Every structure is written in structure tokens, then in C-alpha cells.
């Protein structure tokens, strides 16, 4: 009786772990399809910024804009794997039609001097974004030191006297732009389902091996 109980226990445990691994493979296929759709949207041909910009309808929309930088630059503290700690530089950008949006110009290290804002008129290409970077752990911005801790589009727009529209730079015709663009890419979106699947399948193999070992140890010596 004990022997068959251990058999059932081993088979059920292995089946559950295998099913979890298969579920993660299914999640992987779903996630890859989602990422392909996002990447297709991000890399679509750039269009002019709509007259009426809607966050739900135009998030990640690739756009091109012509105009000039104006006013101060806000520094948003971030960390990049390759470069370490640094700032995203966000500056108001006045379009040729008179509207003013905001431009996320890219990254500069905390060890570097903040680059000057390019002068004159130029063209920029990027994607519209409304990042959700604020949670209960986000500290208050240090306005005196010009250090922000999240890209809060509404507050940034009020501070920079611009529309609540953020364009994350991908390419620029400004020759003096010294920041490193950090465009939105699917590589930044976590996709660990394959690792999870391998973990569950490995656990299933270990469970099966251990079950077999215990069955071998508990076999009837008289048989």
C-alpha cells in the first residue's frame, strides 16, 4: 500500500511540475506575440504629431516633429545597466505650429557634465509615451537640485509650461545633441517565461528521479 502511495505521489508531482512548464511555454508564445506587436508599432513609419493627442490612442506612436528647444532642462534620475547612474534630460520643444511639447532627449551619466541644450531649429523622431513610473516608494522630486525621480508627464508639463505630451527621442538632426537617446524598445520589457519553463521542467526531472530513488529504497527485499 505504501509503495503504491509513493507511486501516485511521484506521478502526480511530476505531472503538476510538467504542466507548469508547459503553461510557461504557452505564456512565452503569448508574450512573444505581444512583443512583436509592440515592436511593429514602435518601428512603424513616423507621422506628424496629431493636433489632438490622446494617451490611450497614441501611446508609442512614432512621430516626427520640427521645432526648437526652449527653457530649462529637467533631470530625471535613472540607472542603466551599461552606463550606471545618470539622468534622462527632458526639455520643452516648441513646434513650428506654435505648440510646445516635451522631449526626452536621452541619457547622460552623473559623472558627466550636463550637456548644453542644442540651439536653432531641427527635426526629431521618436515615440510618444506616458510612462507609469510612480508608486508608493517614489520619493518627492528635489526641485531645488533639479533632480526628479520619475517621468510624471502631467507635473513635467506644468513645470516646463508645455502640453502633457512626451516624445522619447530616437533620432535627431541636431548636431550638438550630446545625450544618448534611450528609445522605447521591446528589449527593455521582461520576458523570462523560458527560464521559468526550464526551472519547472528541471524540477519535474528532479522530482521524478527522487521518486524513483525512494521507490527503489522502499522495494520489498523479499521480491
Protein backbone atom coordinates (compact mmCIF):
# COMPACT_ATOMS: atom_id res chain seq x y z
CA UNK A 1 0.00 0.00 0.00
CA UNK A 2 2.80 2.35 0.92
CA UNK A 3 4.57 1.51 -2.33
CA UNK A 4 1.59 2.46 -4.49
CA UNK A 5 1.02 5.61 -2.44
CA UNK A 6 4.55 6.69 -3.27
CA UNK A 7 3.96 5.87 -6.94
CA UNK A 8 0.87 8.08 -7.03
CA UNK A 9 2.68 10.85 -5.14
CA UNK A 10 5.60 10.74 -7.59
CA UNK A 11 3.43 10.66 -10.71
CA UNK A 12 1.15 13.48 -9.53
CA UNK A 13 4.07 15.69 -8.51
CA UNK A 14 5.82 15.15 -11.82
CA UNK A 15 2.61 15.81 -13.76
CA UNK A 16 1.97 19.07 -11.90
CA UNK A 17 5.51 20.33 -12.48
CA UNK A 18 5.38 19.37 -16.16
CA UNK A 19 2.05 21.17 -16.56
CA UNK A 20 3.55 24.32 -15.03
CA UNK A 21 6.43 24.12 -17.50
CA UNK A 22 4.04 23.69 -20.43
CA UNK A 23 1.98 26.65 -19.15
CA UNK A 24 5.11 28.80 -19.14
CA UNK A 25 5.84 27.80 -22.75
CA UNK A 26 2.32 28.87 -23.66
CA UNK A 27 2.89 32.17 -21.84
CA UNK A 28 6.17 32.54 -23.75
CA UNK A 29 4.39 32.22 -27.10
CA UNK A 30 1.78 34.77 -25.98
CA UNK A 31 4.46 37.20 -24.73
CA UNK A 32 6.46 36.93 -27.95
CA UNK A 33 3.35 37.79 -29.96
CA UNK A 34 2.72 40.81 -27.71
CA UNK A 35 6.32 41.96 -28.10
CA UNK A 36 6.16 41.59 -31.88
CA UNK A 37 3.03 43.76 -31.93
CA UNK A 38 4.68 46.40 -29.73
CA UNK A 39 7.87 46.43 -31.80
CA UNK A 40 5.87 46.73 -35.02
CA UNK A 41 4.08 49.73 -33.55
CA UNK A 42 7.28 51.35 -32.26
CA UNK A 43 9.14 50.98 -35.57
CA UNK A 44 6.29 51.96 -37.89
CA UNK A 45 6.91 54.96 -40.21
CA UNK A 46 6.88 58.22 -38.27
CA UNK A 47 3.97 60.62 -38.78
CA UNK A 48 3.30 64.20 -37.77
CA UNK A 49 2.15 64.76 -34.22
CA UNK A 50 -1.67 64.76 -34.20
CA UNK A 51 -3.37 68.05 -33.42
CA UNK A 52 -5.22 66.33 -30.60
CA UNK A 53 -3.04 63.87 -28.74
CA UNK A 54 -4.77 61.14 -26.72
CA UNK A 55 -2.67 58.94 -24.38
CA UNK A 56 -4.76 55.80 -24.92
CA UNK A 57 -4.84 56.12 -28.70
CA UNK A 58 -1.35 57.50 -29.34
CA UNK A 59 0.89 55.75 -26.82
CA UNK A 60 4.09 54.56 -28.59
CA UNK A 61 3.03 56.32 -31.81
CA UNK A 62 6.16 57.03 -33.89
CA UNK A 63 6.21 60.72 -34.78
CA UNK A 64 8.46 63.34 -36.34
CA UNK A 65 8.49 66.96 -35.29
CA UNK A 66 10.28 70.11 -36.33
CA UNK A 67 10.99 72.94 -33.94
CA UNK A 68 13.40 74.24 -31.33
CA UNK A 69 14.24 73.63 -27.70
CA UNK A 70 13.21 76.24 -25.18
CA UNK A 71 13.57 76.86 -21.47
CA UNK A 72 15.20 74.76 -18.78
CA UNK A 73 16.06 71.07 -18.83
CA UNK A 74 14.75 68.70 -16.18
CA UNK A 75 16.98 65.87 -14.93
CA UNK A 76 15.24 62.56 -14.13
CA UNK A 77 17.44 60.18 -12.13
CA UNK A 78 17.71 56.71 -13.71
CA UNK A 79 20.09 53.77 -13.83
CA UNK A 80 21.28 51.99 -16.96
CA UNK A 81 22.98 48.58 -16.96
CA UNK A 82 25.84 49.68 -19.20
CA UNK A 83 26.33 53.25 -18.03
CA UNK A 84 25.29 53.13 -14.37
CA UNK A 85 23.51 56.03 -12.69
CA UNK A 86 22.60 59.06 -14.72
CA UNK A 87 19.84 61.40 -15.82
CA UNK A 88 17.23 61.48 -18.52
CA UNK A 89 17.20 65.02 -19.91
CA UNK A 90 13.74 66.42 -20.62
CA UNK A 91 13.33 69.78 -22.31
CA UNK A 92 10.37 71.70 -23.72
CA UNK A 93 10.24 71.65 -27.52
CA UNK A 94 8.37 74.35 -29.45
CA UNK A 95 6.90 73.06 -32.70
CA UNK A 96 6.74 75.14 -35.87
CA UNK A 97 2.97 75.45 -35.43
CA UNK A 98 3.45 77.14 -32.06
CA UNK A 99 2.57 74.23 -29.80
CA UNK A 100 5.04 73.19 -27.09
CA UNK A 101 5.57 69.55 -26.15
CA UNK A 102 8.31 67.86 -24.12
CA UNK A 103 11.27 65.93 -25.48
CA UNK A 104 13.07 63.14 -23.60
CA UNK A 105 16.48 63.78 -25.15
CA UNK A 106 18.17 60.74 -23.64
CA UNK A 107 20.75 59.78 -21.04
CA UNK A 108 23.84 61.38 -19.56
CA UNK A 109 25.96 59.92 -16.76
CA UNK A 110 26.05 61.51 -13.31
CA UNK A 111 29.82 61.61 -13.79
CA UNK A 112 29.47 63.84 -16.84
CA UNK A 113 28.61 67.48 -17.10
CA UNK A 114 25.05 68.15 -18.21
CA UNK A 115 25.29 68.90 -21.93
CA UNK A 116 24.03 72.23 -23.19
CA UNK A 117 20.70 72.39 -24.98
CA UNK A 118 21.04 72.44 -28.79
CA UNK A 119 20.20 75.77 -30.38
CA UNK A 120 18.37 76.60 -33.57
CA UNK A 121 15.72 74.61 -35.36
CA UNK A 122 15.87 70.93 -36.15
CA UNK A 123 13.89 67.76 -36.67
CA UNK A 124 13.41 64.98 -34.16
CA UNK A 125 11.94 61.48 -34.48
CA UNK A 126 10.72 59.33 -31.62
CA UNK A 127 7.73 57.79 -29.91
CA UNK A 128 5.03 59.37 -27.79
CA UNK A 129 4.94 57.97 -24.26
CA UNK A 130 3.13 58.40 -20.96
CA UNK A 131 5.36 56.36 -18.61
CA UNK A 132 3.86 54.95 -15.41
CA UNK A 133 6.88 55.25 -13.13
CA UNK A 134 5.34 56.46 -9.86
CA UNK A 135 4.50 54.17 -6.95
CA UNK A 136 4.36 54.43 -3.16
CA UNK A 137 8.16 54.20 -2.96
CA UNK A 138 8.90 57.09 -5.33
CA UNK A 139 10.47 59.97 -3.38
CA UNK A 140 9.47 63.59 -3.82
CA UNK A 141 11.29 65.47 -6.54
CA UNK A 142 14.16 67.70 -5.41
CA UNK A 143 13.25 70.81 -7.37
CA UNK A 144 16.00 72.88 -5.75
CA UNK A 145 18.65 70.50 -7.10
CA UNK A 146 16.69 69.85 -10.31
CA UNK A 147 16.52 66.12 -9.64
CA UNK A 148 13.30 64.27 -10.47
CA UNK A 149 12.66 60.61 -9.71
CA UNK A 150 10.04 59.75 -12.32
CA UNK A 151 8.76 60.97 -15.65
CA UNK A 152 5.47 62.33 -14.36
CA UNK A 153 4.15 63.76 -17.62
CA UNK A 154 1.48 65.94 -16.03
CA UNK A 155 3.83 67.52 -13.47
CA UNK A 156 6.63 67.88 -16.00
CA UNK A 157 4.26 69.67 -18.39
CA UNK A 158 3.23 72.09 -15.68
CA UNK A 159 6.86 72.70 -14.69
CA UNK A 160 8.10 73.20 -18.26
CA UNK A 161 4.98 75.09 -19.41
CA UNK A 162 4.22 72.59 -22.14
CA UNK A 163 1.43 70.26 -23.23
CA UNK A 164 1.35 66.90 -21.38
CA UNK A 165 2.90 65.23 -24.41
CA UNK A 166 6.27 63.48 -24.10
CA UNK A 167 8.27 62.47 -27.17
CA UNK A 168 11.07 59.99 -26.40
CA UNK A 169 13.87 60.72 -28.83
CA UNK A 170 15.10 58.08 -31.28
CA UNK A 171 16.87 60.26 -33.86
CA UNK A 172 17.70 63.94 -34.18
CA UNK A 173 19.09 66.35 -36.77
CA UNK A 174 20.66 68.49 -34.02
CA UNK A 175 24.42 68.04 -34.44
CA UNK A 176 25.18 69.31 -30.93
CA UNK A 177 22.86 66.88 -29.13
CA UNK A 178 25.22 65.16 -26.66
CA UNK A 179 22.79 62.98 -24.69
CA UNK A 180 22.46 59.28 -25.59
CA UNK A 181 18.88 58.56 -26.76
CA UNK A 182 17.02 55.90 -24.80
CA UNK A 183 14.18 55.00 -27.16
CA UNK A 184 11.41 52.65 -26.12
CA UNK A 185 12.34 49.13 -27.24
CA UNK A 186 10.93 45.69 -26.52
CA UNK A 187 14.35 44.61 -25.20
CA UNK A 188 13.52 46.58 -22.06
CA UNK A 189 10.35 44.54 -21.44
CA UNK A 190 10.94 41.48 -19.21
CA UNK A 191 10.34 38.11 -20.85
CA UNK A 192 11.52 35.36 -18.50
CA UNK A 193 8.99 32.67 -19.38
CA UNK A 194 11.60 30.40 -20.98
CA UNK A 195 13.70 30.50 -17.80
CA UNK A 196 10.60 29.71 -15.77
CA UNK A 197 9.74 26.81 -18.07
CA UNK A 198 13.26 25.37 -17.79
CA UNK A 199 13.02 25.68 -14.00
CA UNK A 200 9.71 23.78 -13.83
CA UNK A 201 10.91 21.05 -16.22
CA UNK A 202 14.13 20.68 -14.21
CA UNK A 203 12.12 20.36 -11.01
CA UNK A 204 9.93 17.75 -12.70
CA UNK A 205 13.02 15.75 -13.65
CA UNK A 206 14.41 16.03 -10.12
CA UNK A 207 11.04 15.04 -8.64
CA UNK A 208 10.85 12.03 -10.95
CA UNK A 209 14.40 10.99 -10.10
CA UNK A 210 13.87 11.35 -6.35
CA UNK A 211 10.57 9.46 -6.55
CA UNK A 212 12.28 6.65 -8.39
CA UNK A 213 15.06 6.61 -5.79
CA UNK A 214 12.61 6.37 -2.88
CA UNK A 215 10.64 3.65 -4.67
CA UNK A 216 13.87 1.72 -5.14
CA UNK A 217 14.79 2.14 -1.48
CA UNK A 218 11.32 1.07 -0.30
CA UNK A 219 11.07 -2.00 -2.51
CA UNK A 220 10.27 -5.31 -0.85
CA UNK A 221 13.61 -7.08 -0.22
CA UNK A 222 11.83 -10.44 -0.50
CA UNK A 223 10.60 -9.77 -4.03
